[in-house]
PDB file of N, CA and C in Angstrom:
ATOM      1  N   MET A   1     -20.002-158.995 -78.066  1.00  0.00           N
ATOM      2  CA  MET A   1     -21.007-160.248 -78.080  1.00  0.00           C
ATOM      3  C   MET A   1     -21.332-160.159 -76.228  1.00  0.00           C
ATOM      4  N   SER A   2     -22.423-160.478 -76.122  1.00  0.00           N
ATOM      5  CA  SER A   2     -23.205-160.729 -74.651  1.00  0.00           C
ATOM      6  C   SER A   2     -22.351-161.398 -73.901  1.00  0.00           C
ATOM      7  N   THR A   3     -22.597-161.470 -72.565  1.00  0.00           N
ATOM      8  CA  THR A   3     -21.881-162.574 -71.665  1.00  0.00           C
ATOM      9  C   THR A   3     -23.041-163.149 -70.543  1.00  0.00           C
ATOM     10  N   TYR A   4     -24.175-162.780 -71.593  1.00  0.00           N
ATOM     11  CA  TYR A   4     -24.866-163.641 -70.887  1.00  0.00           C
ATOM     12  C   TYR A   4     -24.883-165.516 -71.464  1.00  0.00           C
ATOM     13  N   THR A   5     -25.349-166.218 -71.073  1.00  0.00           N
ATOM     14  CA  THR A   5     -25.539-167.926 -71.951  1.00  0.00           C
ATOM     15  C   THR A   5     -27.496-167.920 -71.684  1.00  0.00           C
ATOM     16  N   ALA A   6     -27.661-168.835 -72.440  1.00  0.00           N
ATOM     17  CA  ALA A   6     -28.589-169.254 -72.389  1.00  0.00           C
ATOM     18  C   ALA A   6     -29.708-169.337 -71.088  1.00  0.00           C
ATOM     19  N   LEU A   7     -28.556-169.757 -69.566  1.00  0.00           N
ATOM     20  CA  LEU A   7     -28.908-170.303 -68.682  1.00  0.00           C
ATOM     21  C   LEU A   7     -29.577-169.052 -68.107  1.00  0.00           C
ATOM     22  N   THR A   8     -28.508-167.586 -68.316  1.00  0.00           N
ATOM     23  CA  THR A   8     -28.034-166.502 -67.514  1.00  0.00           C
ATOM     24  C   THR A   8     -28.970-165.171 -68.053  1.00  0.00           C
ATOM     25  N   VAL A   9     -29.524-165.323 -69.038  1.00  0.00           N
ATOM     26  CA  VAL A   9     -29.685-164.016 -69.779  1.00  0.00           C
ATOM     27  C   VAL A   9     -31.250-163.737 -69.360  1.00  0.00           C
ATOM     28  N   PRO A  10     -31.320-162.140 -68.822  1.00  0.00           N
ATOM     29  CA  PRO A  10     -32.650-161.825 -68.417  1.00  0.00           C
ATOM     30  C   PRO A  10     -33.728-162.072 -69.724  1.00  0.00           C
ATOM     31  N   THR A  11     -34.916-162.132 -68.743  1.00  0.00           N
ATOM     32  CA  THR A  11     -36.034-161.784 -69.828  1.00  0.00           C
ATOM     33  C   THR A  11     -36.600-160.445 -69.613  1.00  0.00           C
ATOM     34  N   GLN A  12     -36.703-160.282 -70.779  1.00  0.00           N
ATOM     35  CA  GLN A  12     -37.331-158.597 -71.389  1.00  0.00           C
ATOM     36  C   GLN A  12     -38.509-159.374 -71.206  1.00  0.00           C
ATOM     37  N   PHE A  13     -39.282-157.748 -71.657  1.00  0.00           N
ATOM     38  CA  PHE A  13     -40.498-157.742 -72.025  1.00  0.00           C
ATOM     39  C   PHE A  13     -40.737-156.720 -72.946  1.00  0.00           C
ATOM     40  N   VAL A  14     -41.544-156.550 -74.092  1.00  0.00           N
ATOM     41  CA  VAL A  14     -42.387-155.813 -74.995  1.00  0.00           C
ATOM     42  C   VAL A  14     -43.918-155.319 -75.104  1.00  0.00           C
ATOM     43  N   GLU A  15     -44.619-154.555 -75.551  1.00  0.00           N
ATOM     44  CA  GLU A  15     -45.775-155.113 -75.162  1.00  0.00           C
ATOM     45  C   GLU A  15     -46.251-154.095 -76.999  1.00  0.00           C
ATOM     46  N   ALA A  16     -47.471-154.806 -77.338  1.00  0.00           N
ATOM     47  CA  ALA A  16     -47.760-154.255 -78.422  1.00  0.00           C
ATOM     48  C   ALA A  16     -49.616-154.856 -78.860  1.00  0.00           C
ATOM     49  N   ASN A  17     -50.464-153.563 -78.711  1.00  0.00           N
ATOM     50  CA  ASN A  17     -51.728-153.527 -78.928  1.00  0.00           C
ATOM     51  C   ASN A  17     -52.396-154.003 -77.658  1.00  0.00           C
ATOM     52  N   GLY A  18     -51.176-153.909 -76.685  1.00  0.00           N
ATOM     53  CA  GLY A  18     -51.871-154.369 -75.106  1.00  0.00           C
ATOM     54  C   GLY A  18     -52.028-156.019 -74.439  1.00  0.00           C
ATOM     55  N   ILE A  19     -50.655-155.890 -75.830  1.00  0.00           N
ATOM     56  CA  ILE A  19     -49.803-157.537 -75.430  1.00  0.00           C
ATOM     57  C   ILE A  19     -48.804-157.599 -75.046  1.00  0.00           C
ATOM     58  N   ARG A  20     -48.846-158.413 -73.680  1.00  0.00           N
ATOM     59  CA  ARG A  20     -47.224-158.516 -72.961  1.00  0.00           C
ATOM     60  C   ARG A  20     -46.223-159.902 -73.869  1.00  0.00           C
ATOM     61  N   PHE A  21     -45.231-159.059 -74.357  1.00  0.00           N
ATOM     62  CA  PHE A  21     -44.147-160.355 -75.070  1.00  0.00           C
ATOM     63  C   PHE A  21     -43.638-160.431 -74.639  1.00  0.00           C
ATOM     64  N   ALA A  22     -42.815-162.004 -73.800  1.00  0.00           N
ATOM     65  CA  ALA A  22     -41.318-162.122 -73.638  1.00  0.00           C
ATOM     66  C   ALA A  22     -40.476-162.394 -74.669  1.00  0.00           C
ATOM     67  N   TYR A  23     -39.401-161.870 -74.559  1.00  0.00           N
ATOM     68  CA  TYR A  23     -37.850-162.396 -75.396  1.00  0.00           C
ATOM     69  C   TYR A  23     -36.694-162.560 -74.239  1.00  0.00           C
ATOM     70  N   ARG A  24     -35.990-162.960 -74.533  1.00  0.00           N
ATOM     71  CA  ARG A  24     -34.617-163.154 -74.754  1.00  0.00           C
ATOM     72  C   ARG A  24     -33.678-162.818 -75.416  1.00  0.00           C
ATOM     73  N   CYS A  25     -32.545-162.113 -75.693  1.00  0.00           N
ATOM     74  CA  CYS A  25     -31.761-161.833 -76.455  1.00  0.00           C
ATOM     75  C   CYS A  25     -30.011-161.574 -75.744  1.00  0.00           C
ATOM     76  N   PHE A  26     -28.833-162.975 -76.708  1.00  0.00           N
ATOM     77  CA  PHE A  26     -27.962-163.000 -76.386  1.00  0.00           C
ATOM     78  C   PHE A  26     -26.612-163.136 -77.303  1.00  0.00           C
ATOM     79  N   GLY A  27     -25.573-163.169 -77.252  1.00  0.00           N
ATOM     80  CA  GLY A  27     -24.394-163.557 -78.360  1.00  0.00           C
ATOM     81  C   GLY A  27     -23.961-162.355 -79.310  1.00  0.00           C
ATOM     82  N   LYS A  28     -23.148-162.821 -80.039  1.00  0.00           N
ATOM     83  CA  LYS A  28     -22.613-162.176 -81.346  1.00  0.00           C
ATOM     84  C   LYS A  28     -23.207-161.033 -81.788  1.00  0.00           C
ATOM     85  N   LYS A  29     -23.223-159.688 -81.552  1.00  0.00           N
ATOM     86  CA  LYS A  29     -24.789-159.066 -82.305  1.00  0.00           C
ATOM     87  C   LYS A  29     -23.979-158.614 -82.805  1.00  0.00           C
ATOM     88  N   THR A  30     -23.404-159.394 -84.203  1.00  0.00           N
ATOM     89  CA  THR A  30     -23.028-158.958 -85.513  1.00  0.00           C
ATOM     90  C   THR A  30     -24.082-159.559 -86.409  1.00  0.00           C
ATOM     91  N   GLY A  31     -23.999-159.443 -87.805  1.00  0.00           N
ATOM     92  CA  GLY A  31     -24.684-160.246 -88.661  1.00  0.00           C
ATOM     93  C   GLY A  31     -26.208-160.485 -88.706  1.00  0.00           C
ATOM     94  N   ILE A  32     -26.641-161.739 -89.028  1.00  0.00           N
ATOM     95  CA  ILE A  32     -28.367-161.428 -89.599  1.00  0.00           C
ATOM     96  C   ILE A  32     -28.639-162.018 -87.635  1.00  0.00           C
ATOM     97  N   PRO A  33     -29.583-162.009 -86.449  1.00  0.00           N
ATOM     98  CA  PRO A  33     -29.963-162.481 -85.819  1.00  0.00           C
ATOM     99  C   PRO A  33     -30.578-164.646 -86.130  1.00  0.00           C
ATOM    100  N   LEU A  34     -30.643-164.638 -85.093  1.00  0.00           N
ATOM    101  CA  LEU A  34     -31.007-165.912 -85.110  1.00  0.00           C
ATOM    102  C   LEU A  34     -32.346-165.667 -84.328  1.00  0.00           C
ATOM    103  N   VAL A  35     -33.634-165.814 -84.785  1.00  0.00           N
ATOM    104  CA  VAL A  35     -34.625-165.535 -83.624  1.00  0.00           C
ATOM    105  C   VAL A  35     -35.652-166.970 -83.895  1.00  0.00           C
ATOM    106  N   PHE A  36     -36.383-167.011 -82.896  1.00  0.00           N
ATOM    107  CA  PHE A  36     -36.224-169.067 -82.427  1.00  0.00           C
ATOM    108  C   PHE A  36     -37.385-168.432 -81.738  1.00  0.00           C
ATOM    109  N   ASN A  37     -38.896-168.672 -82.634  1.00  0.00           N
ATOM    110  CA  ASN A  37     -40.106-169.018 -82.259  1.00  0.00           C
ATOM    111  C   ASN A  37     -40.543-170.628 -81.636  1.00  0.00           C
ATOM    112  N   GLN A  38     -41.617-170.683 -80.743  1.00  0.00           N
ATOM    113  CA  GLN A  38     -41.511-171.735 -79.840  1.00  0.00           C
ATOM    114  C   GLN A  38     -42.490-172.315 -80.668  1.00  0.00           C
ATOM    115  N   HIS A  39     -43.061-173.622 -80.497  1.00  0.00           N
ATOM    116  CA  HIS A  39     -44.009-174.405 -80.982  1.00  0.00           C
ATOM    117  C   HIS A  39     -45.213-174.438 -80.214  1.00  0.00           C
ATOM    118  N   PHE A  40     -46.077-174.849 -80.619  1.00  0.00           N
ATOM    119  CA  PHE A  40     -47.755-174.803 -79.802  1.00  0.00           C
ATOM    120  C   PHE A  40     -47.689-174.588 -78.252  1.00  0.00           C
ATOM    121  N   THR A  41     -47.775-175.549 -77.737  1.00  0.00           N
ATOM    122  CA  THR A  41     -46.872-175.074 -76.455  1.00  0.00           C
ATOM    123  C   THR A  41     -45.895-175.149 -75.482  1.00  0.00           C
ATOM    124  N   GLY A  42     -44.752-174.883 -76.174  1.00  0.00           N
ATOM    125  CA  GLY A  42     -43.586-174.446 -76.159  1.00  0.00           C
ATOM    126  C   GLY A  42     -43.577-173.084 -75.346  1.00  0.00           C
ATOM    127  N   ASN A  43     -41.899-173.196 -74.883  1.00  0.00           N
ATOM    128  CA  ASN A  43     -41.693-171.603 -73.704  1.00  0.00           C
ATOM    129  C   ASN A  43     -41.205-171.955 -74.050  1.00  0.00           C
ATOM    130  N   LEU A  44     -40.148-169.969 -73.625  1.00  0.00           N
ATOM    131  CA  LEU A  44     -38.570-169.796 -73.953  1.00  0.00           C
ATOM    132  C   LEU A  44     -38.043-171.024 -73.164  1.00  0.00           C
ATOM    133  N   ASP A  45     -38.135-171.458 -72.382  1.00  0.00           N
ATOM    134  CA  ASP A  45     -36.859-172.439 -71.451  1.00  0.00           C
ATOM    135  C   ASP A  45     -37.415-174.090 -72.099  1.00  0.00           C
ATOM    136  N   ASN A  46     -38.182-174.139 -73.338  1.00  0.00           N
ATOM    137  CA  ASN A  46     -38.318-175.303 -73.928  1.00  0.00           C
ATOM    138  C   ASN A  46     -36.623-175.778 -75.060  1.00  0.00           C
ATOM    139  N   TRP A  47     -35.652-174.621 -75.301  1.00  0.00           N
ATOM    140  CA  TRP A  47     -34.781-175.095 -76.358  1.00  0.00           C
ATOM    141  C   TRP A  47     -33.094-175.659 -75.685  1.00  0.00           C
ATOM    142  N   ASP A  48     -32.469-176.435 -76.231  1.00  0.00           N
ATOM    143  CA  ASP A  48     -31.489-176.541 -74.844  1.00  0.00           C
ATOM    144  C   ASP A  48     -30.826-175.804 -74.921  1.00  0.00           C
ATOM    145  N   PRO A  49     -29.787-175.348 -73.449  1.00  0.00           N
ATOM    146  CA  PRO A  49     -29.052-174.100 -73.874  1.00  0.00           C
ATOM    147  C   PRO A  49     -27.161-174.041 -74.593  1.00  0.00           C
ATOM    148  N   ALA A  50     -26.929-175.805 -74.406  1.00  0.00           N
ATOM    149  CA  ALA A  50     -26.049-176.364 -75.003  1.00  0.00           C
ATOM    150  C   ALA A  50     -25.901-176.161 -76.401  1.00  0.00           C
ATOM    151  N   VAL A  51     -27.325-175.179 -77.386  1.00  0.00           N
ATOM    152  CA  VAL A  51     -27.559-175.608 -78.856  1.00  0.00           C
ATOM    153  C   VAL A  51     -27.282-174.444 -78.885  1.00  0.00           C
ATOM    154  N   LEU A  52     -27.794-173.376 -78.222  1.00  0.00           N
ATOM    155  CA  LEU A  52     -28.266-171.759 -77.783  1.00  0.00           C
ATOM    156  C   LEU A  52     -26.574-171.025 -78.114  1.00  0.00           C
ATOM    157  N   ASP A  53     -25.871-171.709 -77.150  1.00  0.00           N
ATOM    158  CA  ASP A  53     -24.835-171.058 -76.287  1.00  0.00           C
ATOM    159  C   ASP A  53     -23.825-172.188 -77.477  1.00  0.00           C
ATOM    160  N   GLY A  54     -23.853-172.544 -78.234  1.00  0.00           N
ATOM    161  CA  GLY A  54     -23.074-172.629 -79.100  1.00  0.00           C
ATOM    162  C   GLY A  54     -23.312-171.982 -80.563  1.00  0.00           C
ATOM    163  N   LEU A  55     -24.628-171.737 -81.155  1.00  0.00           N
ATOM    164  CA  LEU A  55     -25.400-170.755 -81.377  1.00  0.00           C
ATOM    165  C   LEU A  55     -24.699-169.443 -81.735  1.00  0.00           C
ATOM    166  N   ALA A  56     -24.644-169.147 -80.482  1.00  0.00           N
ATOM    167  CA  ALA A  56     -24.646-167.455 -79.962  1.00  0.00           C
ATOM    168  C   ALA A  56     -23.162-167.055 -80.261  1.00  0.00           C
ATOM    169  N   LYS A  57     -22.542-168.311 -80.243  1.00  0.00           N
ATOM    170  CA  LYS A  57     -20.951-168.019 -80.295  1.00  0.00           C
ATOM    171  C   LYS A  57     -20.599-166.979 -81.710  1.00  0.00           C
ATOM    172  N   GLU A  58     -21.609-167.156 -82.699  1.00  0.00           N
ATOM    173  CA  GLU A  58     -21.609-166.057 -83.854  1.00  0.00           C
ATOM    174  C   GLU A  58     -22.328-165.428 -83.946  1.00  0.00           C
ATOM    175  N   ARG A  59     -23.546-166.004 -83.601  1.00  0.00           N
ATOM    176  CA  ARG A  59     -24.602-164.892 -84.007  1.00  0.00           C
ATOM    177  C   ARG A  59     -25.321-164.317 -82.722  1.00  0.00           C
ATOM    178  N   GLU A  60     -25.871-163.619 -82.781  1.00  0.00           N
ATOM    179  CA  GLU A  60     -26.928-163.317 -81.871  1.00  0.00           C
ATOM    180  C   GLU A  60     -28.417-164.029 -81.813  1.00  0.00           C
ATOM    181  N   VAL A  61     -28.283-164.455 -80.963  1.00  0.00           N
ATOM    182  CA  VAL A  61     -29.257-165.282 -80.400  1.00  0.00           C
ATOM    183  C   VAL A  61     -31.051-164.614 -79.829  1.00  0.00           C
ATOM    184  N   ILE A  62     -32.175-164.371 -81.069  1.00  0.00           N
ATOM    185  CA  ILE A  62     -33.749-164.073 -80.317  1.00  0.00           C
ATOM    186  C   ILE A  62     -34.615-165.236 -80.054  1.00  0.00           C
ATOM    187  N   LEU A  63     -35.032-165.564 -78.260  1.00  0.00           N
ATOM    188  CA  LEU A  63     -36.077-166.478 -78.409  1.00  0.00           C
ATOM    189  C   LEU A  63     -37.056-165.732 -78.164  1.00  0.00           C
ATOM    190  N   PHE A  64     -38.054-166.174 -78.606  1.00  0.00           N
ATOM    191  CA  PHE A  64     -39.330-165.133 -78.528  1.00  0.00           C
ATOM    192  C   PHE A  64     -40.696-165.769 -78.250  1.00  0.00           C
ATOM    193  N   ASN A  65     -41.475-165.555 -77.042  1.00  0.00           N
ATOM    194  CA  ASN A  65     -42.339-166.208 -76.627  1.00  0.00           C
ATOM    195  C   ASN A  65     -43.637-165.922 -76.995  1.00  0.00           C
ATOM    196  N   LYS A  66     -44.256-166.565 -77.660  1.00  0.00           N
ATOM    197  CA  LYS A  66     -46.141-166.047 -78.024  1.00  0.00           C
ATOM    198  C   LYS A  66     -46.929-166.279 -77.472  1.00  0.00           C
ATOM    199  N   VAL A  67     -47.814-165.146 -77.620  1.00  0.00           N
ATOM    200  CA  VAL A  67     -48.852-164.873 -76.915  1.00  0.00           C
ATOM    201  C   VAL A  67     -49.310-166.169 -76.036  1.00  0.00           C
ATOM    202  N   HIS A  68     -49.684-166.489 -74.945  1.00  0.00           N
ATOM    203  CA  HIS A  68     -50.305-167.276 -73.994  1.00  0.00           C
ATOM    204  C   HIS A  68     -49.049-168.205 -73.425  1.00  0.00           C
ATOM    205  N   GLY A  69     -47.867-168.105 -73.696  1.00  0.00           N
ATOM    206  CA  GLY A  69     -46.739-168.956 -73.307  1.00  0.00           C
ATOM    207  C   GLY A  69     -46.665-168.581 -71.938  1.00  0.00           C
ATOM    208  N   ASN A  70     -45.282-169.034 -70.839  1.00  0.00           N
ATOM    209  CA  ASN A  70     -45.348-168.866 -69.546  1.00  0.00           C
ATOM    210  C   ASN A  70     -44.976-167.695 -69.094  1.00  0.00           C
ATOM    211  N   HIS A  71     -44.149-166.487 -70.161  1.00  0.00           N
ATOM    212  CA  HIS A  71     -44.031-165.052 -69.594  1.00  0.00           C
ATOM    213  C   HIS A  71     -44.596-164.105 -70.590  1.00  0.00           C
ATOM    214  N   SER A  72     -45.221-164.960 -71.347  1.00  0.00           N
ATOM    215  CA  SER A  72     -46.169-163.232 -72.182  1.00  0.00           C
ATOM    216  C   SER A  72     -47.543-163.839 -72.291  1.00  0.00           C
ATOM    217  N   CYS A  73     -48.265-162.719 -71.777  1.00  0.00           N
ATOM    218  CA  CYS A  73     -50.049-163.208 -71.661  1.00  0.00           C
ATOM    219  C   CYS A  73     -50.812-162.044 -72.052  1.00  0.00           C
ATOM    220  N   GLU A  74     -51.787-161.973 -72.400  1.00  0.00           N
ATOM    221  CA  GLU A  74     -53.026-161.090 -72.766  1.00  0.00           C
ATOM    222  C   GLU A  74     -53.077-159.975 -72.062  1.00  0.00           C
ATOM    223  N   MET A  75     -53.157-159.406 -72.386  1.00  0.00           N
ATOM    224  CA  MET A  75     -53.357-157.707 -71.222  1.00  0.00           C
ATOM    225  C   MET A  75     -54.871-157.188 -71.510  1.00  0.00           C
ATOM    226  N   GLY A  76     -55.492-158.294 -72.125  1.00  0.00           N
ATOM    227  CA  GLY A  76     -57.201-157.473 -71.865  1.00  0.00           C
ATOM    228  C   GLY A  76     -57.857-158.800 -72.568  1.00  0.00           C
ATOM    229  N   HIS A  77     -59.267-158.710 -71.959  1.00  0.00           N
ATOM    230  CA  HIS A  77     -60.625-159.559 -72.694  1.00  0.00           C
ATOM    231  C   HIS A  77     -60.590-158.948 -74.161  1.00  0.00           C
ATOM    232  N   GLY A  78     -60.120-159.445 -75.527  1.00  0.00           N
ATOM    233  CA  GLY A  78     -60.392-159.502 -76.392  1.00  0.00           C
ATOM    234  C   GLY A  78     -59.074-159.139 -77.297  1.00  0.00           C
ATOM    235  N   ALA A  79     -58.534-159.227 -77.160  1.00  0.00           N
ATOM    236  CA  ALA A  79     -56.373-158.675 -77.320  1.00  0.00           C
ATOM    237  C   ALA A  79     -56.453-159.646 -78.722  1.00  0.00           C
ATOM    238  N   LEU A  80     -57.064-160.255 -78.738  1.00  0.00           N
ATOM    239  CA  LEU A  80     -56.277-161.048 -79.855  1.00  0.00           C
ATOM    240  C   LEU A  80     -57.120-160.975 -81.798  1.00  0.00           C
TER     241      LEU A  80
END
């Protein structure tokens, strides 16, 4: 189990087709992970930390930031 919480987990990045995406992973690394995608104007920080930490006690939690979120960004004109 990760020792990180929703408030302490570091933001990581992955790049695909020139687009940089931000994500955070924490919690128990067994079973099927829970993947959270944010709504239209949301970002990684819009989730309630108390809810995420409760879920992370039993499952791995993956927060994924869509393109144009606070941490993810387009890496070139016309990348979308």
